[in-house]
């Protein structure tokens, strides 16, 4: 399966934000989809990433759209773990429900990781994100710890070591 990727532009803003809200309704983000201020915050941050290459807090990020046969089948935002540390966290990883369980997520993750062989890559999984949690582990990510919000932190280390999440 050959996926095409491109850097998201403003025409992708609405679909990405819609998918974030849908995923949040199922517990996959800390965002509360019932609070309009949370939705506005999410929209502003995704806009900032697309337009300026960073979140409102200054954390650098890259918005990626994955397509198959000219249809968007997934969205990923790679970001720094901490300012100045480089692009090494899977900040957002979404496969719309219509495309789940068809291997697209696996291909998206493989694509992302091929480009990041020389850096540590972290991911945070919400408690509801069991499928993502297991997919990451199958692809070499190791569980490190739960953070204070209950998200599970995983790492795919470039050195096969297990440094702490920052």
C-alpha atoms as a PDB file:
ATOM      1  CA  UNK A   1       0.000   0.000   0.000  1.00  0.00           C
ATOM      2  CA  UNK A   2       1.564   3.268  -1.121  1.00  0.00           C
ATOM      3  CA  UNK A   3       0.465   6.281   0.895  1.00  0.00           C
ATOM      4  CA  UNK A   4       1.038   9.832  -0.247  1.00  0.00           C
ATOM      5  CA  UNK A   5       1.894  12.453   2.375  1.00  0.00           C
ATOM      6  CA  UNK A   6       1.857  16.203   2.321  1.00  0.00           C
ATOM      7  CA  UNK A   7       2.187  19.011   4.827  1.00  0.00           C
ATOM      8  CA  UNK A   8      -1.298  20.071   5.898  1.00  0.00           C
ATOM      9  CA  UNK A   9      -2.537  23.444   4.703  1.00  0.00           C
ATOM     10  CA  UNK A  10      -5.483  25.565   5.807  1.00  0.00           C
ATOM     11  CA  UNK A  11      -7.907  23.532   3.662  1.00  0.00           C
ATOM     12  CA  UNK A  12      -7.136  20.619   6.029  1.00  0.00           C
ATOM     13  CA  UNK A  13      -7.916  22.599   9.198  1.00  0.00           C
ATOM     14  CA  UNK A  14     -11.649  21.792   9.389  1.00  0.00           C
ATOM     15  CA  UNK A  15     -11.286  18.045   8.723  1.00  0.00           C
ATOM     16  CA  UNK A  16      -8.448  17.728  11.257  1.00  0.00           C
ATOM     17  CA  UNK A  17     -10.374  19.630  13.923  1.00  0.00           C
ATOM     18  CA  UNK A  18     -13.512  17.566  13.226  1.00  0.00           C
ATOM     19  CA  UNK A  19     -11.587  14.331  13.643  1.00  0.00           C
ATOM     20  CA  UNK A  20     -10.027  15.590  16.883  1.00  0.00           C
ATOM     21  CA  UNK A  21     -13.492  16.347  18.283  1.00  0.00           C
ATOM     22  CA  UNK A  22     -14.823  12.934  17.208  1.00  0.00           C
ATOM     23  CA  UNK A  23     -11.816  11.206  18.791  1.00  0.00           C
ATOM     24  CA  UNK A  24     -12.172  13.320  21.954  1.00  0.00           C
ATOM     25  CA  UNK A  25     -15.819  12.246  22.234  1.00  0.00           C
ATOM     26  CA  UNK A  26     -14.493   8.682  22.509  1.00  0.00           C
ATOM     27  CA  UNK A  27     -11.855   9.579  25.116  1.00  0.00           C
ATOM     28  CA  UNK A  28      -8.805   9.665  22.858  1.00  0.00           C
ATOM     29  CA  UNK A  29      -7.699  13.196  23.819  1.00  0.00           C
ATOM     30  CA  UNK A  30      -7.727  15.216  27.026  1.00  0.00           C
ATOM     31  CA  UNK A  31      -9.895  17.757  25.177  1.00  0.00           C
ATOM     32  CA  UNK A  32     -13.483  18.002  26.465  1.00  0.00           C
ATOM     33  CA  UNK A  33     -15.603  18.212  23.291  1.00  0.00           C
ATOM     34  CA  UNK A  34     -18.555  19.596  25.301  1.00  0.00           C
ATOM     35  CA  UNK A  35     -16.685  22.761  26.241  1.00  0.00           C
ATOM     36  CA  UNK A  36     -16.646  25.415  23.534  1.00  0.00           C
ATOM     37  CA  UNK A  37     -13.483  27.000  24.970  1.00  0.00           C
ATOM     38  CA  UNK A  38     -11.687  23.633  24.633  1.00  0.00           C
ATOM     39  CA  UNK A  39     -12.822  23.327  21.016  1.00  0.00           C
ATOM     40  CA  UNK A  40     -11.721  26.902  20.276  1.00  0.00           C
ATOM     41  CA  UNK A  41      -8.357  26.238  21.948  1.00  0.00           C
ATOM     42  CA  UNK A  42      -7.864  23.114  19.827  1.00  0.00           C
ATOM     43  CA  UNK A  43      -8.829  24.957  16.626  1.00  0.00           C
ATOM     44  CA  UNK A  44      -6.415  27.835  17.393  1.00  0.00           C
ATOM     45  CA  UNK A  45      -3.583  25.408  18.103  1.00  0.00           C
ATOM     46  CA  UNK A  46      -4.099  23.346  14.942  1.00  0.00           C
ATOM     47  CA  UNK A  47      -4.354  26.586  12.944  1.00  0.00           C
ATOM     48  CA  UNK A  48      -1.075  27.753  14.504  1.00  0.00           C
ATOM     49  CA  UNK A  49       0.654  24.473  13.640  1.00  0.00           C
ATOM     50  CA  UNK A  50      -0.552  24.587  10.029  1.00  0.00           C
ATOM     51  CA  UNK A  51       0.093  28.283   9.464  1.00  0.00           C
ATOM     52  CA  UNK A  52       3.227  28.887  11.553  1.00  0.00           C
ATOM     53  CA  UNK A  53       4.773  25.477  12.301  1.00  0.00           C
ATOM     54  CA  UNK A  54       4.271  25.611  16.063  1.00  0.00           C
ATOM     55  CA  UNK A  55       1.630  25.381  18.766  1.00  0.00           C
ATOM     56  CA  UNK A  56       0.546  28.536  20.592  1.00  0.00           C
ATOM     57  CA  UNK A  57       3.025  27.664  23.366  1.00  0.00           C
ATOM     58  CA  UNK A  58       5.892  27.805  20.835  1.00  0.00           C
ATOM     59  CA  UNK A  59       6.471  24.042  20.573  1.00  0.00           C
ATOM     60  CA  UNK A  60       7.540  23.278  16.981  1.00  0.00           C
ATOM     61  CA  UNK A  61       5.251  20.917  15.088  1.00  0.00           C
ATOM     62  CA  UNK A  62       4.704  19.468  11.629  1.00  0.00           C
ATOM     63  CA  UNK A  63       1.153  18.702  10.413  1.00  0.00           C
ATOM     64  CA  UNK A  64       1.042  15.723   8.039  1.00  0.00           C
ATOM     65  CA  UNK A  65      -1.864  14.456   5.946  1.00  0.00           C
ATOM     66  CA  UNK A  66      -1.796  10.882   4.652  1.00  0.00           C
ATOM     67  CA  UNK A  67      -3.703  10.077   1.472  1.00  0.00           C
ATOM     68  CA  UNK A  68      -4.552   6.876  -0.332  1.00  0.00           C
ATOM     69  CA  UNK A  69      -6.022   7.151  -3.832  1.00  0.00           C
ATOM     70  CA  UNK A  70      -6.447  10.906  -3.318  1.00  0.00           C
ATOM     71  CA  UNK A  71      -8.511  10.435  -0.144  1.00  0.00           C
ATOM     72  CA  UNK A  72      -7.238  11.692   3.221  1.00  0.00           C
ATOM     73  CA  UNK A  73      -7.026   8.603   5.428  1.00  0.00           C
ATOM     74  CA  UNK A  74      -5.140  10.032   8.400  1.00  0.00           C
ATOM     75  CA  UNK A  75      -3.612  13.008  10.142  1.00  0.00           C
ATOM     76  CA  UNK A  76      -0.450  13.211  12.221  1.00  0.00           C
ATOM     77  CA  UNK A  77       1.166  16.083  14.042  1.00  0.00           C
ATOM     78  CA  UNK A  78       4.782  15.498  15.016  1.00  0.00           C
ATOM     79  CA  UNK A  79       6.169  17.883  17.608  1.00  0.00           C
ATOM     80  CA  UNK A  80       9.064  18.533  19.894  1.00  0.00           C
ATOM     81  CA  UNK A  81       8.919  16.977  23.344  1.00  0.00           C
ATOM     82  CA  UNK A  82      10.336  20.202  24.791  1.00  0.00           C
ATOM     83  CA  UNK A  83      11.334  23.488  23.130  1.00  0.00           C
ATOM     84  CA  UNK A  84      14.541  23.075  21.157  1.00  0.00           C
ATOM     85  CA  UNK A  85      14.595  19.281  21.450  1.00  0.00           C
ATOM     86  CA  UNK A  86      13.534  18.547  17.839  1.00  0.00           C
ATOM     87  CA  UNK A  87      10.529  16.798  16.283  1.00  0.00           C
ATOM     88  CA  UNK A  88      10.253  13.683  18.345  1.00  0.00           C
ATOM     89  CA  UNK A  89       6.745  13.202  19.717  1.00  0.00           C
ATOM     90  CA  UNK A  90       3.704  11.809  17.981  1.00  0.00           C
ATOM     91  CA  UNK A  91       1.485  14.594  19.268  1.00  0.00           C
ATOM     92  CA  UNK A  92      -1.632  13.703  17.263  1.00  0.00           C
ATOM     93  CA  UNK A  93      -2.304  10.512  15.330  1.00  0.00           C
ATOM     94  CA  UNK A  94      -5.775  10.120  13.839  1.00  0.00           C
ATOM     95  CA  UNK A  95      -7.224   7.581  11.443  1.00  0.00           C
ATOM     96  CA  UNK A  96     -10.872   8.491  10.770  1.00  0.00           C
ATOM     97  CA  UNK A  97     -13.296   5.747  11.754  1.00  0.00           C
ATOM     98  CA  UNK A  98     -14.126   4.914   8.102  1.00  0.00           C
ATOM     99  CA  UNK A  99     -10.471   3.954   7.530  1.00  0.00           C
ATOM    100  CA  UNK A 100      -9.703   2.124  10.770  1.00  0.00           C
ATOM    101  CA  UNK A 101      -8.821  -1.584  10.875  1.00  0.00           C
ATOM    102  CA  UNK A 102      -7.623  -1.550   7.256  1.00  0.00           C
ATOM    103  CA  UNK A 103      -3.878  -1.233   7.887  1.00  0.00           C
ATOM    104  CA  UNK A 104      -3.651   2.511   7.244  1.00  0.00           C
ATOM    105  CA  UNK A 105      -2.509   3.333  10.791  1.00  0.00           C
ATOM    106  CA  UNK A 106       0.292   0.774  10.544  1.00  0.00           C
ATOM    107  CA  UNK A 107       1.470   2.235   7.239  1.00  0.00           C
ATOM    108  CA  UNK A 108       1.277   5.777   8.613  1.00  0.00           C
ATOM    109  CA  UNK A 109       3.344   4.826  11.659  1.00  0.00           C
ATOM    110  CA  UNK A 110       5.901   2.982   9.511  1.00  0.00           C
ATOM    111  CA  UNK A 111       6.258   6.072   7.304  1.00  0.00           C
ATOM    112  CA  UNK A 112       6.747   8.369  10.297  1.00  0.00           C
ATOM    113  CA  UNK A 113       9.294   6.117  11.941  1.00  0.00           C
ATOM    114  CA  UNK A 114      11.374   5.629   8.774  1.00  0.00           C
ATOM    115  CA  UNK A 115      12.012   9.372   8.797  1.00  0.00           C
ATOM    116  CA  UNK A 116      12.983   9.369  12.477  1.00  0.00           C
ATOM    117  CA  UNK A 117      15.468   6.533  12.839  1.00  0.00           C
ATOM    118  CA  UNK A 118      18.084   8.767  14.473  1.00  0.00           C
ATOM    119  CA  UNK A 119      15.917  10.369  17.177  1.00  0.00           C
ATOM    120  CA  UNK A 120      13.980   9.200  20.188  1.00  0.00           C
ATOM    121  CA  UNK A 121      10.250   9.246  19.459  1.00  0.00           C
ATOM    122  CA  UNK A 122       7.708   9.531  22.257  1.00  0.00           C
ATOM    123  CA  UNK A 123       3.959   9.020  22.186  1.00  0.00           C
ATOM    124  CA  UNK A 124       1.202   9.599  24.735  1.00  0.00           C
ATOM    125  CA  UNK A 125      -1.850   7.351  24.678  1.00  0.00           C
ATOM    126  CA  UNK A 126      -5.116   8.194  26.388  1.00  0.00           C
ATOM    127  CA  UNK A 127      -6.578   5.368  28.462  1.00  0.00           C
ATOM    128  CA  UNK A 128      -9.229   4.825  25.740  1.00  0.00           C
ATOM    129  CA  UNK A 129      -6.572   4.460  23.020  1.00  0.00           C
ATOM    130  CA  UNK A 130      -5.898   0.749  23.513  1.00  0.00           C
ATOM    131  CA  UNK A 131      -5.532   0.007  19.802  1.00  0.00           C
ATOM    132  CA  UNK A 132      -2.928   2.758  19.386  1.00  0.00           C
ATOM    133  CA  UNK A 133      -1.116   1.645  22.543  1.00  0.00           C
ATOM    134  CA  UNK A 134      -0.731  -1.920  21.252  1.00  0.00           C
ATOM    135  CA  UNK A 135       0.136  -0.800  17.707  1.00  0.00           C
ATOM    136  CA  UNK A 136       2.976   1.325  19.085  1.00  0.00           C
ATOM    137  CA  UNK A 137       4.277  -1.553  21.206  1.00  0.00           C
ATOM    138  CA  UNK A 138       4.230  -3.906  18.196  1.00  0.00           C
ATOM    139  CA  UNK A 139       6.390  -1.354  16.360  1.00  0.00           C
ATOM    140  CA  UNK A 140       9.122  -1.134  18.988  1.00  0.00           C
ATOM    141  CA  UNK A 141       7.765   1.448  21.429  1.00  0.00           C
ATOM    142  CA  UNK A 142       8.257   0.633  25.095  1.00  0.00           C
ATOM    143  CA  UNK A 143       5.876   1.692  27.849  1.00  0.00           C
ATOM    144  CA  UNK A 144       7.616   4.053  30.290  1.00  0.00           C
ATOM    145  CA  UNK A 145       5.025   5.417  32.711  1.00  0.00           C
ATOM    146  CA  UNK A 146       1.658   7.062  33.164  1.00  0.00           C
ATOM    147  CA  UNK A 147       1.695  10.837  33.430  1.00  0.00           C
ATOM    148  CA  UNK A 148      -0.341  12.838  35.934  1.00  0.00           C
ATOM    149  CA  UNK A 149      -3.291  13.019  33.503  1.00  0.00           C
ATOM    150  CA  UNK A 150      -3.424   9.225  33.123  1.00  0.00           C
ATOM    151  CA  UNK A 151      -1.857   9.116  29.659  1.00  0.00           C
ATOM    152  CA  UNK A 152       0.559   6.248  29.027  1.00  0.00           C
ATOM    153  CA  UNK A 153       3.968   7.420  27.835  1.00  0.00           C
ATOM    154  CA  UNK A 154       5.819   5.264  25.326  1.00  0.00           C
ATOM    155  CA  UNK A 155       9.236   5.604  23.737  1.00  0.00           C
ATOM    156  CA  UNK A 156      10.906   4.208  20.654  1.00  0.00           C
ATOM    157  CA  UNK A 157      14.510   4.908  21.532  1.00  0.00           C
ATOM    158  CA  UNK A 158      17.153   5.464  18.905  1.00  0.00           C
ATOM    159  CA  UNK A 159      19.650   3.923  21.333  1.00  0.00           C
ATOM    160  CA  UNK A 160      17.397   1.133  22.628  1.00  0.00           C
ATOM    161  CA  UNK A 161      17.775   2.769  26.058  1.00  0.00           C
ATOM    162  CA  UNK A 162      14.874   3.884  28.216  1.00  0.00           C
ATOM    163  CA  UNK A 163      15.377   7.562  29.150  1.00  0.00           C
ATOM    164  CA  UNK A 164      12.690   9.305  31.183  1.00  0.00           C
ATOM    165  CA  UNK A 165       9.987  11.394  29.556  1.00  0.00           C
ATOM    166  CA  UNK A 166      10.631  15.113  29.924  1.00  0.00           C
END
